[in-house]
Amino acid sequence: MWNDFKKFAFKGNVLDMAVGVMVGGAFSKIVTSVVNDLVMPLLSLATGKIDFSTLYIPLDGNTYESFQAAVDAAAPMFKYGAFIQTVIDFFLIALCIFAFVKLVAKMHKKEEPAPAPVKEPRKCPYCFGEIDDNATRCRHCTSQL
């Protein structure tokens, strides 16, 4: 059983996947920072300084001064703003990953296909002139082939 586990765990694909998960986790932190620290403030500015994460509907029927006041009162809330922020995060993360994959694809040098092997030309056995593969007579010395 130990040998089977070693064969599975140390295969190239499993190690590649593990590295991908770790890099993906780090990349996710970068993209989350871009969304929260760069994009959302610009979007908030463009929409009249709306902070999407604080948009909510209290479900207990009460009115609260602010989002924080509702949180402090432990009120049940329908946090649609957090959902909007999460959807925006998703689309921006997908966009960043798409751009990253396109960049890597451009940087990856494509291997040019190997040139087709050059066929040796057919030679006349009498005058050694080059002749067509379908010829029955040499065009140089008119010998029968």
C-alpha atoms as a PDB file:
ATOM      1  CA  MET A   1       0.000   0.000   0.000  1.00  0.00           C
ATOM      2  CA  TRP A   2       2.860   2.393   0.804  1.00  0.00           C
ATOM      3  CA  ASN A   3       4.404   1.825  -2.624  1.00  0.00           C
ATOM      4  CA  ASP A   4       1.080   2.517  -4.321  1.00  0.00           C
ATOM      5  CA  PHE A   5       0.737   5.739  -2.352  1.00  0.00           C
ATOM      6  CA  LYS A   6       4.266   6.843  -3.298  1.00  0.00           C
ATOM      7  CA  LYS A   7       3.547   6.133  -6.969  1.00  0.00           C
ATOM      8  CA  PHE A   8       0.375   8.209  -6.778  1.00  0.00           C
ATOM      9  CA  ALA A   9       1.668  11.087  -4.643  1.00  0.00           C
ATOM     10  CA  PHE A  10       4.909  11.656  -6.490  1.00  0.00           C
ATOM     11  CA  LYS A  11       3.637  11.455 -10.051  1.00  0.00           C
ATOM     12  CA  GLY A  12       4.370  14.524 -12.097  1.00  0.00           C
ATOM     13  CA  ASN A  13       0.682  15.379 -12.542  1.00  0.00           C
ATOM     14  CA  VAL A  14      -0.064  15.319  -8.814  1.00  0.00           C
ATOM     15  CA  LEU A  15       2.916  17.524  -8.012  1.00  0.00           C
ATOM     16  CA  ASP A  16       1.982  19.916 -10.823  1.00  0.00           C
ATOM     17  CA  MET A  17      -1.541  20.116  -9.461  1.00  0.00           C
ATOM     18  CA  ALA A  18      -0.261  20.805  -5.925  1.00  0.00           C
ATOM     19  CA  VAL A  19       1.946  23.620  -7.177  1.00  0.00           C
ATOM     20  CA  GLY A  20      -0.982  24.993  -9.182  1.00  0.00           C
ATOM     21  CA  VAL A  21      -3.231  25.015  -6.105  1.00  0.00           C
ATOM     22  CA  MET A  22      -0.599  26.849  -4.054  1.00  0.00           C
ATOM     23  CA  VAL A  23       0.082  29.415  -6.772  1.00  0.00           C
ATOM     24  CA  GLY A  24      -3.665  29.788  -7.299  1.00  0.00           C
ATOM     25  CA  GLY A  25      -4.135  30.565  -3.603  1.00  0.00           C
ATOM     26  CA  ALA A  26      -1.471  33.260  -3.733  1.00  0.00           C
ATOM     27  CA  PHE A  27      -2.873  34.603  -7.014  1.00  0.00           C
ATOM     28  CA  SER A  28      -6.339  34.732  -5.452  1.00  0.00           C
ATOM     29  CA  LYS A  29      -5.018  37.002  -2.685  1.00  0.00           C
ATOM     30  CA  ILE A  30      -3.527  39.346  -5.274  1.00  0.00           C
ATOM     31  CA  VAL A  31      -6.730  39.480  -7.297  1.00  0.00           C
ATOM     32  CA  THR A  32      -8.836  39.983  -4.153  1.00  0.00           C
ATOM     33  CA  SER A  33      -6.611  42.901  -3.212  1.00  0.00           C
ATOM     34  CA  VAL A  34      -6.951  44.377  -6.708  1.00  0.00           C
ATOM     35  CA  VAL A  35     -10.730  44.067  -6.476  1.00  0.00           C
ATOM     36  CA  ASN A  36     -11.106  45.381  -2.910  1.00  0.00           C
ATOM     37  CA  ASP A  37      -8.390  48.032  -2.935  1.00  0.00           C
ATOM     38  CA  LEU A  38      -8.426  49.298  -6.519  1.00  0.00           C
ATOM     39  CA  VAL A  39     -11.551  48.389  -8.461  1.00  0.00           C
ATOM     40  CA  MET A  40     -14.270  48.638  -5.810  1.00  0.00           C
ATOM     41  CA  PRO A  41     -13.257  52.172  -4.694  1.00  0.00           C
ATOM     42  CA  LEU A  42     -13.333  53.287  -8.350  1.00  0.00           C
ATOM     43  CA  LEU A  43     -16.690  51.583  -8.862  1.00  0.00           C
ATOM     44  CA  SER A  44     -17.961  53.179  -5.657  1.00  0.00           C
ATOM     45  CA  LEU A  45     -16.809  56.578  -6.879  1.00  0.00           C
ATOM     46  CA  ALA A  46     -18.492  56.019 -10.255  1.00  0.00           C
ATOM     47  CA  THR A  47     -21.772  54.978  -8.593  1.00  0.00           C
ATOM     48  CA  GLY A  48     -21.906  57.869  -6.155  1.00  0.00           C
ATOM     49  CA  LYS A  49     -19.731  56.424  -3.383  1.00  0.00           C
ATOM     50  CA  ILE A  50     -21.914  53.394  -2.789  1.00  0.00           C
ATOM     51  CA  ASP A  51     -20.172  50.736  -0.720  1.00  0.00           C
ATOM     52  CA  PHE A  52     -21.711  47.528  -2.046  1.00  0.00           C
ATOM     53  CA  SER A  53     -20.625  45.476   0.966  1.00  0.00           C
ATOM     54  CA  THR A  54     -22.893  47.526   3.282  1.00  0.00           C
ATOM     55  CA  LEU A  55     -26.096  47.218   1.262  1.00  0.00           C
ATOM     56  CA  TYR A  56     -28.649  45.164   3.179  1.00  0.00           C
ATOM     57  CA  ILE A  57     -32.309  44.711   4.048  1.00  0.00           C
ATOM     58  CA  PRO A  58     -33.085  44.031   7.737  1.00  0.00           C
ATOM     59  CA  LEU A  59     -35.352  41.007   8.009  1.00  0.00           C
ATOM     60  CA  ASP A  60     -36.672  41.752  11.504  1.00  0.00           C
ATOM     61  CA  GLY A  61     -38.701  44.782  10.349  1.00  0.00           C
ATOM     62  CA  ASN A  62     -36.630  47.293  12.323  1.00  0.00           C
ATOM     63  CA  THR A  63     -34.755  50.268  10.907  1.00  0.00           C
ATOM     64  CA  TYR A  64     -31.068  50.729  11.708  1.00  0.00           C
ATOM     65  CA  GLU A  65     -28.895  53.809  11.356  1.00  0.00           C
ATOM     66  CA  SER A  66     -26.147  51.955   9.554  1.00  0.00           C
ATOM     67  CA  PHE A  67     -24.915  48.555   8.488  1.00  0.00           C
ATOM     68  CA  GLN A  68     -22.640  48.413  11.554  1.00  0.00           C
ATOM     69  CA  ALA A  69     -25.568  49.194  13.857  1.00  0.00           C
ATOM     70  CA  ALA A  70     -27.501  46.261  12.363  1.00  0.00           C
ATOM     71  CA  VAL A  71     -24.479  43.992  12.782  1.00  0.00           C
ATOM     72  CA  ASP A  72     -24.027  45.119  16.407  1.00  0.00           C
ATOM     73  CA  ALA A  73     -27.711  44.396  17.094  1.00  0.00           C
ATOM     74  CA  ALA A  74     -27.236  40.908  15.575  1.00  0.00           C
ATOM     75  CA  ALA A  75     -30.203  41.585  13.334  1.00  0.00           C
ATOM     76  CA  PRO A  76     -31.026  39.063  10.637  1.00  0.00           C
ATOM     77  CA  MET A  77     -30.087  40.703   7.351  1.00  0.00           C
ATOM     78  CA  PHE A  78     -30.458  40.053   3.648  1.00  0.00           C
ATOM     79  CA  LYS A  79     -26.951  41.170   2.579  1.00  0.00           C
ATOM     80  CA  TYR A  80     -27.460  41.643  -1.138  1.00  0.00           C
ATOM     81  CA  GLY A  81     -24.536  44.075  -1.308  1.00  0.00           C
ATOM     82  CA  ALA A  82     -22.091  41.389  -0.175  1.00  0.00           C
ATOM     83  CA  PHE A  83     -23.504  39.151  -2.905  1.00  0.00           C
ATOM     84  CA  ILE A  84     -23.003  41.886  -5.520  1.00  0.00           C
ATOM     85  CA  GLN A  85     -19.426  42.339  -4.315  1.00  0.00           C
ATOM     86  CA  THR A  86     -18.803  38.584  -4.510  1.00  0.00           C
ATOM     87  CA  VAL A  87     -20.174  38.427  -8.077  1.00  0.00           C
ATOM     88  CA  ILE A  88     -17.947  41.337  -9.089  1.00  0.00           C
ATOM     89  CA  ASP A  89     -14.993  39.573  -7.411  1.00  0.00           C
ATOM     90  CA  PHE A  90     -15.760  36.429  -9.398  1.00  0.00           C
ATOM     91  CA  PHE A  91     -15.897  38.214 -12.743  1.00  0.00           C
ATOM     92  CA  LEU A  92     -12.717  40.171 -12.045  1.00  0.00           C
ATOM     93  CA  ILE A  93     -10.880  37.044 -10.904  1.00  0.00           C
ATOM     94  CA  ALA A  94     -12.035  35.243 -14.059  1.00  0.00           C
ATOM     95  CA  LEU A  95     -10.911  38.220 -16.162  1.00  0.00           C
ATOM     96  CA  CYS A  96      -7.484  38.292 -14.474  1.00  0.00           C
ATOM     97  CA  ILE A  97      -7.010  34.557 -14.930  1.00  0.00           C
ATOM     98  CA  PHE A  98      -8.041  34.845 -18.581  1.00  0.00           C
ATOM     99  CA  ALA A  99      -5.546  37.688 -19.131  1.00  0.00           C
ATOM    100  CA  PHE A 100      -2.828  35.726 -17.329  1.00  0.00           C
ATOM    101  CA  VAL A 101      -3.416  32.609 -19.431  1.00  0.00           C
ATOM    102  CA  LYS A 102      -3.372  34.692 -22.638  1.00  0.00           C
ATOM    103  CA  LEU A 103      -0.096  36.339 -21.531  1.00  0.00           C
ATOM    104  CA  VAL A 104       1.522  32.989 -20.766  1.00  0.00           C
ATOM    105  CA  ALA A 105       0.304  31.599 -24.095  1.00  0.00           C
ATOM    106  CA  LYS A 106       1.896  34.533 -25.928  1.00  0.00           C
ATOM    107  CA  MET A 107       5.141  34.119 -24.023  1.00  0.00           C
ATOM    108  CA  HIS A 108       5.226  30.384 -24.671  1.00  0.00           C
ATOM    109  CA  LYS A 109       7.275  29.895 -27.771  1.00  0.00           C
ATOM    110  CA  LYS A 110       5.482  27.716 -30.266  1.00  0.00           C
ATOM    111  CA  GLU A 111       7.566  24.973 -31.735  1.00  0.00           C
ATOM    112  CA  GLU A 112       7.714  25.202 -35.473  1.00  0.00           C
ATOM    113  CA  PRO A 113       6.894  21.971 -37.240  1.00  0.00           C
ATOM    114  CA  ALA A 114       9.893  20.112 -38.543  1.00  0.00           C
ATOM    115  CA  PRO A 115      10.426  20.761 -42.240  1.00  0.00           C
ATOM    116  CA  ALA A 116       9.313  17.972 -44.517  1.00  0.00           C
ATOM    117  CA  PRO A 117      12.202  15.781 -45.549  1.00  0.00           C
ATOM    118  CA  VAL A 118      13.591  16.768 -48.928  1.00  0.00           C
ATOM    119  CA  LYS A 119      13.077  13.976 -51.423  1.00  0.00           C
ATOM    120  CA  GLU A 120      16.095  13.049 -53.459  1.00  0.00           C
ATOM    121  CA  PRO A 121      15.474  13.893 -57.128  1.00  0.00           C
ATOM    122  CA  ARG A 122      15.285  10.996 -59.586  1.00  0.00           C
ATOM    123  CA  LYS A 123      18.397  10.760 -61.778  1.00  0.00           C
ATOM    124  CA  CYS A 124      18.807   9.301 -65.218  1.00  0.00           C
ATOM    125  CA  PRO A 125      21.085   6.219 -65.017  1.00  0.00           C
ATOM    126  CA  TYR A 126      22.758   7.197 -68.326  1.00  0.00           C
ATOM    127  CA  CYS A 127      23.341  10.966 -68.263  1.00  0.00           C
ATOM    128  CA  PHE A 128      22.641  11.533 -64.536  1.00  0.00           C
ATOM    129  CA  GLY A 129      20.306  14.434 -65.356  1.00  0.00           C
ATOM    130  CA  GLU A 130      17.366  15.151 -63.082  1.00  0.00           C
ATOM    131  CA  ILE A 131      14.082  13.701 -64.363  1.00  0.00           C
ATOM    132  CA  ASP A 132      10.457  13.672 -63.250  1.00  0.00           C
ATOM    133  CA  ASP A 133       9.276  10.708 -61.159  1.00  0.00           C
ATOM    134  CA  ASN A 134       6.594   9.826 -63.751  1.00  0.00           C
ATOM    135  CA  ALA A 135       8.838  10.155 -66.824  1.00  0.00           C
ATOM    136  CA  THR A 136       9.430   7.137 -69.093  1.00  0.00           C
ATOM    137  CA  ARG A 137      12.201   8.869 -71.114  1.00  0.00           C
ATOM    138  CA  CYS A 138      14.994  11.152 -70.042  1.00  0.00           C
ATOM    139  CA  ARG A 139      14.412  14.662 -71.389  1.00  0.00           C
ATOM    140  CA  HIS A 140      18.154  15.293 -71.544  1.00  0.00           C
ATOM    141  CA  CYS A 141      19.449  12.216 -73.372  1.00  0.00           C
ATOM    142  CA  THR A 142      16.101  10.678 -74.487  1.00  0.00           C
ATOM    143  CA  SER A 143      17.081   7.284 -73.029  1.00  0.00           C
ATOM    144  CA  GLN A 144      14.291   4.811 -72.350  1.00  0.00           C
ATOM    145  CA  LEU A 145      13.818   4.453 -68.561  1.00  0.00           C
END
